[in-house]
Structures are given as C-alpha cells and as structure tokens.
Amino acid sequence: MEYQQNLNGHFKKSRFRFFIGILFFLFTVFLIQHRISSGQGFRVWDWIGIVIFLLNGLYHLTGGMGYALENFFGRKSFVHIDDDKFRIKTIGKEHVIFWSETESIEFRNGYLRFSLRKETLLLIQLSVLDDISKELFWEAHLVGKDKEYYHMEQLVNLGALPYSGFKIAAFQLKIVGASAAPARVVAVME
C-alpha cells in the first residue's frame, strides 16, 4: 500500500476568486496611473500599498485557477504512507515514523499521537492543516476500494504481545448490510 498527498494546493477553481484577483490588479494599475497623471511622486506608503495589492491579486488569481501560491515558493507540505514508514511534513519539520517502531496511533482533537516501542510519545499537530486533515484522514477508509483490508482500532494491551509469533482472530458482530462492525479481537500465540 502506498498513499501520498500534497497538502498544498487544495483550492477548487473559482471564477469569483479569479475575478477578485483581476480587481486587485486593476486597482493597482489605477493607483499607479493616478500617481503618474497627477504629477505626484511615489511615496513609501504608495509603494507598500502597490506591493500589497499586487500580492493579493497574485494570491487570488492563482487560487482562482486552483493553485496554491505556496507551491511556487518551494514550501512543501505532504503526507506519505508506505509499507515501511509514515512521513508527514507540515509548516514545521518533517516527521518520519517507521511502522516497526509503532505501538499505536491515535487521531484526536487535531493531533496524531504515535506511541512508539521505545516508550516515546510523538504528537503531531494537524490543526495547521485546517480542513485538509479531516479530508485526508477520512481517505484512509477508502483504501479498501482497491484492495480489501481489515481495519481495527481501539485495541488494548498490545504492549504485552511479542514482536512476532502470534496470529490475530477477530470475532465480529454480524450486522446485516453493514461494511463494519464491533469485534472481539484476540491474539493466538503460536
């Protein structure tokens, strides 16, 4: 299994935002033309205003076309999940967590909480992702579209198990028409 998601650039194309960007650019052109035609020189505050309006215009134009301005400046934010590790980079630094070192993962209140075998705890704040975190972590439930898998959560006493040498049995409730159900999960030692 491999999953990769760019966390920048989740804008939908929007004619309204594109129009707002055009208005910012037109206002900037009008401001420059007014200063030149009136014979007044440009003051520091004029330049500051021009730069602010140009940047707002650029931001809304690129957003209206479906692009994030952050992508043009090399600020990368992503999530990459494969068979060996989980990598996430948000505004802060990049975190790499190997599955072999992971005891449990919990997603609550805008945080990913990793309990690692080395008895360390790693919290990754996802609130910087805004609505993207809700979108992104719901997609984990769609993995079964391509390849069937069994998703188990809220398991306890995993620390009492050895690294290998056991099998898992899940005795689930039969619910007619459901794609998921609560289960009693047990480890059978070999």
N, C-alpha and C. Protein backbone atom coordinates (compact mmCIF):
# COMPACT_ATOMS: atom_id res chain seq x y z
N MET A 1 0.84 -1.18 0.00
CA MET A 1 0.00 0.00 0.00
C MET A 1 0.88 1.24 0.00
N GLU A 2 0.50 2.19 -0.78
CA GLU A 2 1.22 3.47 -0.77
C GLU A 2 0.20 4.58 -0.95
N TYR A 3 0.35 5.62 -0.16
CA TYR A 3 -0.54 6.78 -0.22
C TYR A 3 0.31 8.03 -0.11
N GLN A 4 0.09 8.96 -1.01
CA GLN A 4 0.81 10.23 -0.95
C GLN A 4 -0.17 11.35 -1.24
N GLN A 5 -0.10 12.41 -0.44
CA GLN A 5 -0.99 13.54 -0.61
C GLN A 5 -0.22 14.83 -0.42
N ASN A 6 -0.29 15.71 -1.40
CA ASN A 6 0.28 17.04 -1.27
C ASN A 6 -0.70 17.88 -0.46
N LEU A 7 -0.24 18.50 0.61
CA LEU A 7 -1.13 19.27 1.46
C LEU A 7 -1.26 20.72 1.02
N ASN A 8 -0.47 21.13 0.06
CA ASN A 8 -0.63 22.46 -0.54
C ASN A 8 -1.53 22.31 -1.76
N GLY A 9 -2.17 23.37 -2.12
CA GLY A 9 -2.88 23.41 -3.40
C GLY A 9 -4.19 22.67 -3.43
N HIS A 10 -4.98 22.76 -2.38
CA HIS A 10 -6.28 22.12 -2.37
C HIS A 10 -7.39 23.11 -2.68
N PHE A 11 -7.10 24.07 -3.55
CA PHE A 11 -8.13 25.03 -3.93
C PHE A 11 -8.93 24.48 -5.10
N LYS A 12 -10.21 24.73 -5.06
CA LYS A 12 -11.04 24.43 -6.22
C LYS A 12 -11.00 25.66 -7.11
N LYS A 13 -11.10 25.43 -8.40
CA LYS A 13 -11.13 26.56 -9.32
C LYS A 13 -12.35 27.41 -9.00
N SER A 14 -12.14 28.72 -9.01
CA SER A 14 -13.21 29.63 -8.62
C SER A 14 -13.16 30.88 -9.50
N ARG A 15 -14.21 31.08 -10.24
CA ARG A 15 -14.28 32.29 -11.06
C ARG A 15 -14.34 33.53 -10.19
N PHE A 16 -15.00 33.43 -9.04
CA PHE A 16 -15.11 34.58 -8.14
C PHE A 16 -13.73 35.02 -7.64
N ARG A 17 -12.92 34.06 -7.18
CA ARG A 17 -11.57 34.41 -6.71
C ARG A 17 -10.72 34.96 -7.83
N PHE A 18 -10.87 34.38 -9.02
CA PHE A 18 -10.13 34.87 -10.17
C PHE A 18 -10.53 36.32 -10.46
N PHE A 19 -11.82 36.62 -10.38
CA PHE A 19 -12.33 37.97 -10.60
C PHE A 19 -11.79 38.94 -9.54
N ILE A 20 -11.75 38.50 -8.29
CA ILE A 20 -11.20 39.33 -7.21
C ILE A 20 -9.73 39.64 -7.49
N GLY A 21 -8.96 38.65 -7.97
CA GLY A 21 -7.56 38.86 -8.32
C GLY A 21 -7.41 39.89 -9.42
N ILE A 22 -8.28 39.81 -10.43
CA ILE A 22 -8.26 40.80 -11.51
C ILE A 22 -8.56 42.19 -10.96
N LEU A 23 -9.54 42.29 -10.05
CA LEU A 23 -9.86 43.60 -9.45
C LEU A 23 -8.67 44.18 -8.69
N PHE A 24 -7.96 43.34 -7.95
CA PHE A 24 -6.76 43.82 -7.25
C PHE A 24 -5.73 44.37 -8.24
N PHE A 25 -5.51 43.64 -9.33
CA PHE A 25 -4.56 44.11 -10.33
C PHE A 25 -5.02 45.42 -10.99
N LEU A 26 -6.31 45.50 -11.33
CA LEU A 26 -6.83 46.72 -11.94
C LEU A 26 -6.73 47.92 -11.00
N PHE A 27 -7.02 47.68 -9.71
CA PHE A 27 -6.90 48.76 -8.74
C PHE A 27 -5.45 49.23 -8.63
N THR A 28 -4.51 48.29 -8.69
CA THR A 28 -3.10 48.65 -8.64
C THR A 28 -2.70 49.48 -9.86
N VAL A 29 -3.16 49.07 -11.02
CA VAL A 29 -2.87 49.84 -12.24
C VAL A 29 -3.48 51.24 -12.15
N PHE A 30 -4.71 51.32 -11.65
CA PHE A 30 -5.36 52.62 -11.47
C PHE A 30 -4.57 53.50 -10.50
N LEU A 31 -4.10 52.92 -9.40
CA LEU A 31 -3.32 53.68 -8.41
C LEU A 31 -2.03 54.22 -9.02
N ILE A 32 -1.33 53.39 -9.79
CA ILE A 32 -0.09 53.83 -10.44
C ILE A 32 -0.39 54.91 -11.47
N GLN A 33 -1.42 54.68 -12.29
CA GLN A 33 -1.77 55.67 -13.32
C GLN A 33 -2.18 57.00 -12.70
N HIS A 34 -2.92 56.96 -11.61
CA HIS A 34 -3.35 58.19 -10.93
C HIS A 34 -2.15 58.98 -10.41
N ARG A 35 -1.19 58.28 -9.82
CA ARG A 35 0.01 58.96 -9.29
C ARG A 35 0.81 59.59 -10.42
N ILE A 36 0.94 58.88 -11.52
CA ILE A 36 1.72 59.40 -12.65
C ILE A 36 0.99 60.59 -13.30
N SER A 37 -0.32 60.46 -13.54
CA SER A 37 -1.06 61.53 -14.23
C SER A 37 -1.22 62.78 -13.38
N SER A 38 -1.23 62.64 -12.06
CA SER A 38 -1.38 63.81 -11.20
C SER A 38 -0.05 64.52 -10.98
N GLY A 39 1.03 63.93 -11.45
CA GLY A 39 2.34 64.55 -11.32
C GLY A 39 2.95 64.40 -9.94
N GLN A 40 2.31 63.65 -9.10
CA GLN A 40 2.86 63.41 -7.77
C GLN A 40 3.83 62.24 -7.83
N GLY A 41 4.85 62.34 -7.06
CA GLY A 41 5.81 61.24 -7.00
C GLY A 41 5.28 60.12 -6.12
N PHE A 42 5.95 59.02 -6.17
CA PHE A 42 5.57 57.88 -5.34
C PHE A 42 6.24 58.00 -3.98
N ARG A 43 5.44 57.87 -2.94
CA ARG A 43 5.97 57.87 -1.57
C ARG A 43 6.12 56.43 -1.11
N VAL A 44 6.75 56.26 0.03
CA VAL A 44 6.98 54.92 0.58
C VAL A 44 5.66 54.19 0.76
N TRP A 45 4.65 54.88 1.31
CA TRP A 45 3.37 54.23 1.55
C TRP A 45 2.69 53.84 0.25
N ASP A 46 2.92 54.58 -0.81
CA ASP A 46 2.36 54.20 -2.12
C ASP A 46 2.97 52.87 -2.58
N TRP A 47 4.27 52.74 -2.45
CA TRP A 47 4.95 51.50 -2.85
C TRP A 47 4.47 50.32 -2.01
N ILE A 48 4.30 50.56 -0.72
CA ILE A 48 3.82 49.48 0.16
C ILE A 48 2.42 49.04 -0.27
N GLY A 49 1.55 50.02 -0.54
CA GLY A 49 0.19 49.69 -1.00
C GLY A 49 0.20 48.95 -2.32
N ILE A 50 1.04 49.38 -3.25
CA ILE A 50 1.13 48.73 -4.55
C ILE A 50 1.56 47.27 -4.40
N VAL A 51 2.59 47.05 -3.58
CA VAL A 51 3.08 45.68 -3.37
C VAL A 51 1.99 44.82 -2.72
N ILE A 52 1.28 45.36 -1.72
CA ILE A 52 0.23 44.59 -1.04
C ILE A 52 -0.89 44.23 -2.02
N PHE A 53 -1.32 45.19 -2.84
CA PHE A 53 -2.38 44.91 -3.79
C PHE A 53 -1.93 43.94 -4.88
N LEU A 54 -0.69 44.05 -5.32
CA LEU A 54 -0.18 43.10 -6.33
C LEU A 54 -0.11 41.68 -5.77
N LEU A 55 0.38 41.55 -4.52
CA LEU A 55 0.47 40.21 -3.91
C LEU A 55 -0.92 39.62 -3.68
N ASN A 56 -1.88 40.45 -3.24
CA ASN A 56 -3.25 39.96 -3.08
C ASN A 56 -3.83 39.53 -4.42
N GLY A 57 -3.56 40.31 -5.46
CA GLY A 57 -4.03 39.94 -6.79
C GLY A 57 -3.44 38.62 -7.25
N LEU A 58 -2.13 38.45 -7.05
CA LEU A 58 -1.46 37.21 -7.42
C LEU A 58 -2.02 36.02 -6.64
N TYR A 59 -2.22 36.23 -5.33
CA TYR A 59 -2.75 35.17 -4.47
C TYR A 59 -4.14 34.72 -4.95
N HIS A 60 -5.01 35.68 -5.23
CA HIS A 60 -6.36 35.33 -5.65
C HIS A 60 -6.41 34.80 -7.08
N LEU A 61 -5.56 35.29 -7.96
CA LEU A 61 -5.52 34.75 -9.32
C LEU A 61 -5.08 33.29 -9.32
N THR A 62 -3.99 32.98 -8.62
CA THR A 62 -3.52 31.59 -8.58
C THR A 62 -4.52 30.71 -7.85
N GLY A 63 -5.12 31.20 -6.76
CA GLY A 63 -6.13 30.42 -6.05
C GLY A 63 -7.36 30.19 -6.91
N GLY A 64 -7.75 31.19 -7.68
CA GLY A 64 -8.90 31.05 -8.57
C GLY A 64 -8.67 30.05 -9.68
N MET A 65 -7.41 29.85 -10.06
CA MET A 65 -7.08 28.86 -11.09
C MET A 65 -6.83 27.48 -10.48
N GLY A 66 -6.92 27.37 -9.15
CA GLY A 66 -6.78 26.07 -8.50
C GLY A 66 -5.40 25.77 -7.99
N TYR A 67 -4.50 26.75 -7.95
CA TYR A 67 -3.13 26.54 -7.48
C TYR A 67 -2.92 27.25 -6.14
N ALA A 68 -2.02 26.71 -5.34
CA ALA A 68 -1.64 27.37 -4.10
C ALA A 68 -0.34 28.14 -4.34
N LEU A 69 -0.30 29.36 -3.89
CA LEU A 69 0.88 30.20 -4.07
C LEU A 69 2.10 29.59 -3.38
N GLU A 70 1.87 28.83 -2.31
CA GLU A 70 2.97 28.20 -1.58
C GLU A 70 3.77 27.25 -2.45
N ASN A 71 3.11 26.62 -3.44
CA ASN A 71 3.80 25.69 -4.33
C ASN A 71 4.88 26.37 -5.15
N PHE A 72 4.68 27.64 -5.47
CA PHE A 72 5.64 28.36 -6.29
C PHE A 72 6.89 28.76 -5.51
N PHE A 73 6.82 28.77 -4.19
CA PHE A 73 7.95 29.19 -3.36
C PHE A 73 8.65 28.01 -2.71
N GLY A 74 8.31 26.79 -3.09
CA GLY A 74 9.02 25.62 -2.62
C GLY A 74 8.65 25.17 -1.22
N ARG A 75 7.59 25.71 -0.63
CA ARG A 75 7.15 25.24 0.69
C ARG A 75 6.35 23.97 0.49
N LYS A 76 6.91 22.88 0.88
CA LYS A 76 6.26 21.60 0.67
C LYS A 76 5.62 21.12 1.97
N SER A 77 4.39 20.69 1.85
CA SER A 77 3.68 20.04 2.95
C SER A 77 3.06 18.78 2.35
N PHE A 78 3.28 17.64 2.99
CA PHE A 78 2.80 16.40 2.41
C PHE A 78 2.62 15.34 3.47
N VAL A 79 1.91 14.29 3.08
CA VAL A 79 1.81 13.05 3.85
C VAL A 79 2.17 11.94 2.89
N HIS A 80 3.05 11.04 3.33
CA HIS A 80 3.44 9.89 2.51
C HIS A 80 3.40 8.66 3.41
N ILE A 81 2.60 7.68 3.02
CA ILE A 81 2.46 6.45 3.79
C ILE A 81 2.80 5.30 2.87
N ASP A 82 3.72 4.44 3.30
CA ASP A 82 4.01 3.23 2.55
C ASP A 82 4.12 2.06 3.51
N ASP A 83 4.62 0.91 3.03
CA ASP A 83 4.68 -0.28 3.87
C ASP A 83 5.68 -0.18 5.01
N ASP A 84 6.67 0.72 4.90
CA ASP A 84 7.72 0.81 5.90
C ASP A 84 7.55 1.96 6.88
N LYS A 85 6.99 3.08 6.41
CA LYS A 85 7.02 4.27 7.24
C LYS A 85 5.86 5.21 6.93
N PHE A 86 5.70 6.15 7.83
CA PHE A 86 4.73 7.24 7.73
C PHE A 86 5.53 8.53 7.76
N ARG A 87 5.41 9.36 6.72
CA ARG A 87 6.13 10.64 6.67
C ARG A 87 5.10 11.75 6.55
N ILE A 88 5.28 12.79 7.36
CA ILE A 88 4.41 13.95 7.27
C ILE A 88 5.24 15.21 7.45
N LYS A 89 4.97 16.19 6.62
CA LYS A 89 5.63 17.49 6.76
C LYS A 89 4.56 18.55 6.64
N THR A 90 4.46 19.36 7.67
CA THR A 90 3.53 20.48 7.63
C THR A 90 4.38 21.74 7.65
N ILE A 91 3.90 22.79 8.27
CA ILE A 91 4.66 24.03 8.31
C ILE A 91 5.96 23.85 9.09
N GLY A 92 5.95 22.98 10.07
CA GLY A 92 7.14 22.73 10.87
C GLY A 92 8.07 21.76 10.18
N LYS A 93 8.72 20.92 10.96
CA LYS A 93 9.68 19.99 10.37
C LYS A 93 9.02 18.70 9.92
N GLU A 94 9.78 17.91 9.22
CA GLU A 94 9.29 16.63 8.72
C GLU A 94 9.44 15.56 9.80
N HIS A 95 8.42 14.72 9.91
CA HIS A 95 8.45 13.60 10.85
C HIS A 95 8.42 12.30 10.06
N VAL A 96 9.28 11.35 10.44
CA VAL A 96 9.30 10.03 9.83
C VAL A 96 9.14 9.02 10.95
N ILE A 97 8.11 8.19 10.85
CA ILE A 97 7.85 7.17 11.86
C ILE A 97 7.81 5.82 11.14
N PHE A 98 8.63 4.89 11.59
CA PHE A 98 8.66 3.57 11.00
C PHE A 98 7.60 2.70 11.67
N TRP A 99 6.88 1.93 10.85
CA TRP A 99 5.80 1.10 11.39
C TRP A 99 6.34 0.07 12.39
N SER A 100 7.56 -0.41 12.16
CA SER A 100 8.13 -1.42 13.06
C SER A 100 8.37 -0.87 14.46
N GLU A 101 8.45 0.44 14.61
CA GLU A 101 8.67 1.07 15.93
C GLU A 101 7.37 1.55 16.56
N THR A 102 6.24 1.35 15.89
CA THR A 102 4.99 1.93 16.33
C THR A 102 4.15 0.95 17.13
N GLU A 103 3.75 1.37 18.32
CA GLU A 103 2.84 0.58 19.15
C GLU A 103 1.39 0.89 18.79
N SER A 104 1.06 2.19 18.73
CA SER A 104 -0.31 2.58 18.42
C SER A 104 -0.34 3.97 17.81
N ILE A 105 -1.43 4.26 17.11
CA ILE A 105 -1.66 5.57 16.51
C ILE A 105 -3.07 6.01 16.90
N GLU A 106 -3.19 7.23 17.30
CA GLU A 106 -4.49 7.75 17.70
C GLU A 106 -4.67 9.14 17.07
N PHE A 107 -5.83 9.41 16.54
CA PHE A 107 -6.13 10.71 15.94
C PHE A 107 -7.26 11.35 16.75
N ARG A 108 -6.93 12.39 17.49
CA ARG A 108 -7.92 13.08 18.33
C ARG A 108 -7.62 14.56 18.40
N ASN A 109 -8.66 15.35 18.36
CA ASN A 109 -8.57 16.79 18.59
C ASN A 109 -7.46 17.48 17.80
N GLY A 110 -7.31 17.13 16.55
CA GLY A 110 -6.32 17.79 15.71
C GLY A 110 -4.89 17.32 15.92
N TYR A 111 -4.69 16.21 16.61
CA TYR A 111 -3.35 15.67 16.84
C TYR A 111 -3.29 14.23 16.37
N LEU A 112 -2.16 13.85 15.79
CA LEU A 112 -1.83 12.45 15.58
C LEU A 112 -0.90 12.07 16.72
N ARG A 113 -1.25 11.05 17.45
CA ARG A 113 -0.45 10.63 18.60
C ARG A 113 0.12 9.25 18.31
N PHE A 114 1.45 9.19 18.23
CA PHE A 114 2.15 7.94 17.98
C PHE A 114 2.78 7.47 19.28
N SER A 115 2.45 6.24 19.70
CA SER A 115 3.16 5.61 20.81
C SER A 115 4.15 4.65 20.17
N LEU A 116 5.43 4.86 20.47
CA LEU A 116 6.48 4.08 19.84
C LEU A 116 7.02 3.01 20.79
N ARG A 117 7.64 1.98 20.24
CA ARG A 117 8.17 0.88 21.05
C ARG A 117 9.24 1.35 22.03
N LYS A 118 9.93 2.43 21.68
CA LYS A 118 10.99 2.94 22.56
C LYS A 118 10.40 3.71 23.75
N GLU A 119 9.08 3.56 23.95
CA GLU A 119 8.35 4.25 25.02
C GLU A 119 8.39 5.76 24.87
N THR A 120 8.59 6.23 23.67
CA THR A 120 8.50 7.66 23.43
C THR A 120 7.13 7.96 22.84
N LEU A 121 6.71 9.16 23.00
CA LEU A 121 5.42 9.59 22.50
C LEU A 121 5.63 10.75 21.57
N LEU A 122 5.07 10.68 20.40
CA LEU A 122 5.23 11.75 19.42
C LEU A 122 3.85 12.31 19.09
N LEU A 123 3.67 13.61 19.27
CA LEU A 123 2.42 14.29 18.92
C LEU A 123 2.67 15.16 17.71
N ILE A 124 1.86 15.03 16.69
CA ILE A 124 1.95 15.88 15.51
C ILE A 124 0.66 16.67 15.43
N GLN A 125 0.77 17.98 15.53
CA GLN A 125 -0.41 18.83 15.48
C GLN A 125 -0.87 18.99 14.04
N LEU A 126 -2.13 18.68 13.80
CA LEU A 126 -2.67 18.78 12.45
C LEU A 126 -3.56 19.99 12.26
N SER A 127 -3.74 20.79 13.28
CA SER A 127 -4.61 21.95 13.14
C SER A 127 -4.07 22.92 12.11
N VAL A 128 -2.76 22.87 11.83
CA VAL A 128 -2.20 23.74 10.80
C VAL A 128 -2.70 23.35 9.42
N LEU A 129 -3.28 22.16 9.31
CA LEU A 129 -3.80 21.71 8.03
C LEU A 129 -5.23 22.15 7.79
N ASP A 130 -5.85 22.77 8.78
CA ASP A 130 -7.23 23.23 8.69
C ASP A 130 -8.15 22.08 8.28
N ASP A 131 -8.97 22.30 7.29
CA ASP A 131 -9.95 21.31 6.87
C ASP A 131 -9.31 20.14 6.13
N ILE A 132 -8.07 20.29 5.72
CA ILE A 132 -7.41 19.24 4.95
C ILE A 132 -7.25 17.98 5.81
N SER A 133 -7.00 18.15 7.13
CA SER A 133 -6.81 16.98 7.97
C SER A 133 -8.06 16.12 8.02
N LYS A 134 -9.24 16.75 8.02
CA LYS A 134 -10.47 15.97 8.02
C LYS A 134 -10.60 15.21 6.71
N GLU A 135 -10.30 15.87 5.62
CA GLU A 135 -10.38 15.29 4.29
C GLU A 135 -9.36 14.15 4.15
N LEU A 136 -8.14 14.40 4.58
CA LEU A 136 -7.04 13.47 4.40
C LEU A 136 -7.25 12.19 5.19
N PHE A 137 -7.61 12.28 6.47
CA PHE A 137 -7.67 11.08 7.28
C PHE A 137 -8.98 10.32 7.09
N TRP A 138 -9.96 10.90 6.43
CA TRP A 138 -11.11 10.12 6.03
C TRP A 138 -10.73 9.21 4.88
N GLU A 139 -9.77 9.61 4.05
CA GLU A 139 -9.37 8.82 2.89
C GLU A 139 -8.79 7.47 3.29
N ALA A 140 -8.34 7.31 4.52
CA ALA A 140 -7.84 6.02 4.97
C ALA A 140 -8.94 4.97 4.92
N HIS A 141 -10.18 5.38 5.05
CA HIS A 141 -11.29 4.44 4.99
C HIS A 141 -11.59 4.00 3.56
N LEU A 142 -11.02 4.69 2.57
CA LEU A 142 -11.28 4.36 1.17
C LEU A 142 -10.24 3.41 0.59
N VAL A 143 -9.25 3.03 1.37
CA VAL A 143 -8.20 2.15 0.87
C VAL A 143 -8.79 0.82 0.41
N GLY A 144 -9.82 0.37 1.08
CA GLY A 144 -10.44 -0.91 0.76
C GLY A 144 -11.10 -0.97 -0.60
N LYS A 145 -11.23 0.15 -1.28
CA LYS A 145 -11.79 0.14 -2.64
C LYS A 145 -10.91 -0.66 -3.58
N ASP A 146 -9.60 -0.47 -3.46
CA ASP A 146 -8.66 -1.11 -4.38
C ASP A 146 -8.20 -2.47 -3.90
N LYS A 147 -8.01 -2.62 -2.62
CA LYS A 147 -7.52 -3.89 -2.07
C LYS A 147 -8.17 -4.07 -0.69
N GLU A 148 -8.81 -5.22 -0.52
CA GLU A 148 -9.52 -5.47 0.74
C GLU A 148 -8.54 -5.51 1.91
N TYR A 149 -8.93 -4.95 3.00
CA TYR A 149 -8.11 -4.98 4.21
C TYR A 149 -9.02 -4.97 5.42
N TYR A 150 -8.44 -5.27 6.58
CA TYR A 150 -9.19 -5.27 7.83
C TYR A 150 -8.67 -4.13 8.68
N HIS A 151 -9.57 -3.28 9.09
CA HIS A 151 -9.21 -2.08 9.86
C HIS A 151 -9.65 -2.32 11.30
N MET A 152 -8.71 -2.30 12.23
CA MET A 152 -9.03 -2.49 13.65
C MET A 152 -8.47 -1.32 14.43
N GLU A 153 -9.28 -0.79 15.34
CA GLU A 153 -8.83 0.34 16.16
C GLU A 153 -9.33 0.15 17.58
N GLN A 154 -8.81 0.96 18.46
CA GLN A 154 -9.15 0.91 19.88
C GLN A 154 -8.72 -0.42 20.52
N LEU A 155 -7.62 -1.01 20.02
CA LEU A 155 -7.11 -2.25 20.59
C LEU A 155 -6.27 -1.91 21.82
N VAL A 156 -6.34 -2.76 22.83
CA VAL A 156 -5.61 -2.52 24.07
C VAL A 156 -4.67 -3.68 24.36
N ASN A 157 -3.73 -3.46 25.27
CA ASN A 157 -2.76 -4.46 25.73
C ASN A 157 -1.85 -4.97 24.62
N LEU A 158 -1.61 -4.15 23.62
CA LEU A 158 -0.71 -4.56 22.54
C LEU A 158 0.73 -4.65 23.03
N GLY A 159 1.08 -3.92 24.05
CA GLY A 159 2.43 -3.96 24.59
C GLY A 159 2.79 -5.31 25.20
N ALA A 160 1.78 -6.11 25.54
CA ALA A 160 2.03 -7.43 26.13
C ALA A 160 2.35 -8.48 25.06
N LEU A 161 2.19 -8.12 23.80
CA LEU A 161 2.46 -9.08 22.72
C LEU A 161 3.91 -9.02 22.28
N PRO A 162 4.47 -10.16 21.86
CA PRO A 162 5.82 -10.14 21.29
C PRO A 162 5.79 -9.50 19.90
N TYR A 163 6.95 -9.23 19.35
CA TYR A 163 7.03 -8.61 18.04
C TYR A 163 6.48 -9.53 16.95
N SER A 164 6.63 -10.83 17.11
CA SER A 164 6.11 -11.80 16.14
C SER A 164 5.76 -13.07 16.89
N GLY A 165 5.21 -14.07 16.19
CA GLY A 165 4.90 -15.35 16.80
C GLY A 165 3.47 -15.48 17.28
N PHE A 166 2.56 -14.75 16.70
CA PHE A 166 1.15 -14.88 17.08
C PHE A 166 0.28 -14.58 15.87
N LYS A 167 -0.97 -15.01 15.96
CA LYS A 167 -1.96 -14.72 14.93
C LYS A 167 -3.10 -13.94 15.58
N ILE A 168 -3.79 -13.18 14.77
CA ILE A 168 -4.91 -12.38 15.24
C ILE A 168 -6.22 -13.03 14.80
N ALA A 169 -7.17 -13.09 15.69
CA ALA A 169 -8.52 -13.54 15.35
C ALA A 169 -9.49 -12.44 15.77
N ALA A 170 -10.41 -12.10 14.86
CA ALA A 170 -11.39 -11.05 15.15
C ALA A 170 -12.78 -11.65 15.04
N PHE A 171 -13.51 -11.66 16.14
CA PHE A 171 -14.87 -12.18 16.18
C PHE A 171 -15.82 -10.99 16.17
N GLN A 172 -16.36 -10.71 14.99
CA GLN A 172 -17.17 -9.51 14.86
C GLN A 172 -18.65 -9.82 14.93
N LEU A 173 -19.43 -8.81 15.28
CA LEU A 173 -20.88 -8.94 15.26
C LEU A 173 -21.35 -8.94 13.81
N LYS A 174 -22.32 -9.74 13.52
CA LYS A 174 -22.88 -9.77 12.17
C LYS A 174 -24.01 -8.74 12.12
N ILE A 175 -23.80 -7.70 11.32
CA ILE A 175 -24.82 -6.66 11.15
C ILE A 175 -25.21 -6.67 9.68
N VAL A 176 -26.46 -6.92 9.39
CA VAL A 176 -26.94 -7.04 8.01
C VAL A 176 -26.77 -5.71 7.28
N GLY A 177 -26.14 -5.76 6.11
CA GLY A 177 -25.98 -4.57 5.27
C GLY A 177 -24.87 -3.63 5.69
N ALA A 178 -24.11 -3.98 6.72
CA ALA A 178 -23.05 -3.09 7.21
C ALA A 178 -21.71 -3.47 6.61
N SER A 179 -20.83 -2.49 6.46
CA SER A 179 -19.47 -2.76 5.98
C SER A 179 -18.49 -2.78 7.14
N ALA A 180 -18.96 -2.53 8.35
CA ALA A 180 -18.10 -2.53 9.53
C ALA A 180 -18.94 -2.93 10.74
N ALA A 181 -18.26 -3.42 11.77
CA ALA A 181 -18.96 -3.82 12.99
C ALA A 181 -17.96 -3.91 14.13
N PRO A 182 -18.43 -3.81 15.38
CA PRO A 182 -17.54 -4.02 16.52
C PRO A 182 -17.11 -5.48 16.56
N ALA A 183 -15.93 -5.72 17.13
CA ALA A 183 -15.41 -7.09 17.18
C ALA A 183 -14.63 -7.32 18.47
N ARG A 184 -14.56 -8.59 18.86
CA ARG A 184 -13.68 -9.01 19.96
C ARG A 184 -12.42 -9.51 19.26
N VAL A 185 -11.29 -8.84 19.48
CA VAL A 185 -10.05 -9.18 18.80
C VAL A 185 -9.13 -9.86 19.82
N VAL A 186 -8.62 -11.03 19.44
CA VAL A 186 -7.76 -11.80 20.35
C VAL A 186 -6.48 -12.19 19.62
N ALA A 187 -5.42 -12.39 20.38
CA ALA A 187 -4.15 -12.86 19.82
C ALA A 187 -4.00 -14.32 20.20
N VAL A 188 -3.67 -15.18 19.23
CA VAL A 188 -3.47 -16.59 19.46
C VAL A 188 -1.97 -16.84 19.34
N MET A 189 -1.33 -17.22 20.44
CA MET A 189 0.10 -17.45 20.45
C MET A 189 0.43 -18.75 19.73
N GLU A 190 1.49 -18.74 18.94
CA GLU A 190 1.88 -19.95 18.19
C GLU A 190 2.76 -20.83 19.03
